[in-house]
Amino acid sequence: MSKARYKITIRCGSCGEKYILRGRQNQEGGYDTGFKKCVCGNEKKLNVDVVPE
């Protein structure tokens, strides 16, 4: 059985850019999406919303 997938919406707190990704929950309680940083260079000030698919 595969892990559940989640729809993850990330909005940059600096420039307002919005990313909609899909990912799976990891063992640390976070989500693996491959997202590293916003196009403006922001890595820390991110608003994340997670919804099961």
N, C-alpha and C. Protein backbone atom coordinates (compact mmCIF):
# COMPACT_ATOMS: atom_id res chain seq x y z
N MET A 1 0.84 -1.18 0.00
CA MET A 1 0.00 0.00 0.00
C MET A 1 0.89 1.25 0.00
N SER A 2 0.61 2.20 -0.85
CA SER A 2 1.40 3.42 -0.93
C SER A 2 0.86 4.46 0.05
N LYS A 3 1.72 5.39 0.42
CA LYS A 3 1.33 6.46 1.34
C LYS A 3 0.33 7.39 0.65
N ALA A 4 -0.49 8.03 1.47
CA ALA A 4 -1.48 8.99 0.96
C ALA A 4 -0.78 10.20 0.37
N ARG A 5 -1.36 10.76 -0.69
CA ARG A 5 -0.81 11.97 -1.29
C ARG A 5 -1.60 13.17 -0.80
N TYR A 6 -0.93 14.31 -0.78
CA TYR A 6 -1.53 15.54 -0.31
C TYR A 6 -1.36 16.64 -1.34
N LYS A 7 -2.34 17.53 -1.41
CA LYS A 7 -2.24 18.74 -2.23
C LYS A 7 -1.71 19.82 -1.30
N ILE A 8 -0.55 20.38 -1.64
CA ILE A 8 0.13 21.33 -0.79
C ILE A 8 0.22 22.67 -1.51
N THR A 9 -0.36 23.68 -0.90
CA THR A 9 -0.33 25.03 -1.45
C THR A 9 0.67 25.84 -0.64
N ILE A 10 1.66 26.40 -1.32
CA ILE A 10 2.69 27.21 -0.67
C ILE A 10 2.58 28.63 -1.22
N ARG A 11 2.45 29.60 -0.33
CA ARG A 11 2.41 31.01 -0.73
C ARG A 11 3.57 31.72 -0.06
N CYS A 12 4.34 32.44 -0.87
CA CYS A 12 5.49 33.18 -0.39
C CYS A 12 5.01 34.39 0.40
N GLY A 13 5.56 34.57 1.61
CA GLY A 13 5.20 35.71 2.44
C GLY A 13 5.88 37.00 2.01
N SER A 14 6.90 36.89 1.16
CA SER A 14 7.62 38.08 0.69
C SER A 14 7.02 38.67 -0.58
N CYS A 15 6.84 37.84 -1.61
CA CYS A 15 6.38 38.37 -2.90
C CYS A 15 4.95 37.95 -3.25
N GLY A 16 4.38 36.97 -2.53
CA GLY A 16 3.00 36.55 -2.78
C GLY A 16 2.85 35.47 -3.84
N GLU A 17 3.94 34.98 -4.41
CA GLU A 17 3.89 33.90 -5.41
C GLU A 17 3.23 32.67 -4.79
N LYS A 18 2.43 31.95 -5.59
CA LYS A 18 1.69 30.79 -5.11
C LYS A 18 2.11 29.54 -5.89
N TYR A 19 2.37 28.47 -5.16
CA TYR A 19 2.75 27.18 -5.75
C TYR A 19 1.77 26.12 -5.27
N ILE A 20 1.29 25.30 -6.19
CA ILE A 20 0.42 24.18 -5.84
C ILE A 20 1.16 22.91 -6.23
N LEU A 21 1.47 22.09 -5.22
CA LEU A 21 2.28 20.89 -5.41
C LEU A 21 1.57 19.68 -4.84
N ARG A 22 2.06 18.51 -5.17
CA ARG A 22 1.58 17.28 -4.58
C ARG A 22 2.75 16.61 -3.89
N GLY A 23 2.48 16.00 -2.75
CA GLY A 23 3.56 15.36 -2.02
C GLY A 23 3.04 14.32 -1.05
N ARG A 24 3.98 13.68 -0.38
CA ARG A 24 3.67 12.66 0.61
C ARG A 24 4.30 13.06 1.94
N GLN A 25 3.67 12.63 3.03
CA GLN A 25 4.19 12.95 4.35
C GLN A 25 5.44 12.13 4.62
N ASN A 26 6.47 12.77 5.20
CA ASN A 26 7.70 12.06 5.53
C ASN A 26 7.70 11.64 6.99
N GLN A 27 8.73 10.94 7.41
CA GLN A 27 8.80 10.40 8.77
C GLN A 27 8.94 11.48 9.83
N GLU A 28 9.47 12.64 9.45
CA GLU A 28 9.65 13.73 10.41
C GLU A 28 8.37 14.53 10.63
N GLY A 29 7.31 14.23 9.89
CA GLY A 29 6.05 14.94 10.02
C GLY A 29 5.86 16.05 9.00
N GLY A 30 6.88 16.31 8.19
CA GLY A 30 6.78 17.30 7.12
C GLY A 30 6.25 16.66 5.85
N TYR A 31 6.39 17.37 4.74
CA TYR A 31 5.90 16.86 3.46
C TYR A 31 6.98 16.95 2.41
N ASP A 32 7.15 15.89 1.62
CA ASP A 32 8.14 15.85 0.55
C ASP A 32 7.48 16.27 -0.75
N THR A 33 7.89 17.45 -1.27
CA THR A 33 7.33 17.96 -2.52
C THR A 33 8.42 18.28 -3.53
N GLY A 34 9.65 18.45 -3.07
CA GLY A 34 10.73 18.88 -3.94
C GLY A 34 10.90 20.39 -3.95
N PHE A 35 10.01 21.12 -3.25
CA PHE A 35 10.09 22.59 -3.20
C PHE A 35 11.29 23.01 -2.37
N LYS A 36 12.10 23.92 -2.90
CA LYS A 36 13.29 24.42 -2.19
C LYS A 36 13.14 25.86 -1.76
N LYS A 37 12.82 26.76 -2.73
CA LYS A 37 12.65 28.17 -2.39
C LYS A 37 11.85 28.86 -3.48
N CYS A 38 11.33 30.02 -3.14
CA CYS A 38 10.54 30.82 -4.07
C CYS A 38 11.46 31.43 -5.14
N VAL A 39 10.88 31.86 -6.23
CA VAL A 39 11.66 32.50 -7.30
C VAL A 39 12.29 33.80 -6.83
N CYS A 40 11.76 34.43 -5.77
CA CYS A 40 12.34 35.66 -5.24
C CYS A 40 13.52 35.37 -4.31
N GLY A 41 13.77 34.10 -4.01
CA GLY A 41 14.89 33.72 -3.16
C GLY A 41 14.49 33.43 -1.72
N ASN A 42 13.24 33.64 -1.37
CA ASN A 42 12.75 33.40 -0.02
C ASN A 42 12.71 31.91 0.28
N GLU A 43 13.27 31.50 1.42
CA GLU A 43 13.24 30.10 1.84
C GLU A 43 12.52 29.89 3.16
N LYS A 44 12.31 30.95 3.92
CA LYS A 44 11.82 30.81 5.29
C LYS A 44 10.39 31.31 5.51
N LYS A 45 10.04 32.43 4.95
CA LYS A 45 8.73 33.06 5.20
C LYS A 45 7.70 32.53 4.20
N LEU A 46 7.23 31.29 4.45
CA LEU A 46 6.29 30.61 3.56
C LEU A 46 5.04 30.21 4.31
N ASN A 47 3.89 30.39 3.71
CA ASN A 47 2.62 29.94 4.27
C ASN A 47 2.24 28.64 3.55
N VAL A 48 2.07 27.55 4.32
CA VAL A 48 1.82 26.24 3.75
C VAL A 48 0.45 25.75 4.18
N ASP A 49 -0.36 25.29 3.21
CA ASP A 49 -1.67 24.72 3.47
C ASP A 49 -1.71 23.32 2.88
N VAL A 50 -2.08 22.33 3.67
CA VAL A 50 -2.07 20.93 3.25
C VAL A 50 -3.48 20.36 3.27
N VAL A 51 -3.88 19.70 2.16
CA VAL A 51 -5.19 19.08 2.05
C VAL A 51 -5.01 17.68 1.47
N PRO A 52 -5.63 16.64 2.09
CA PRO A 52 -5.52 15.30 1.50
C PRO A 52 -6.18 15.24 0.13
N GLU A 53 -5.64 14.41 -0.75
CA GLU A 53 -6.24 14.24 -2.09
C GLU A 53 -7.28 13.15 -2.05
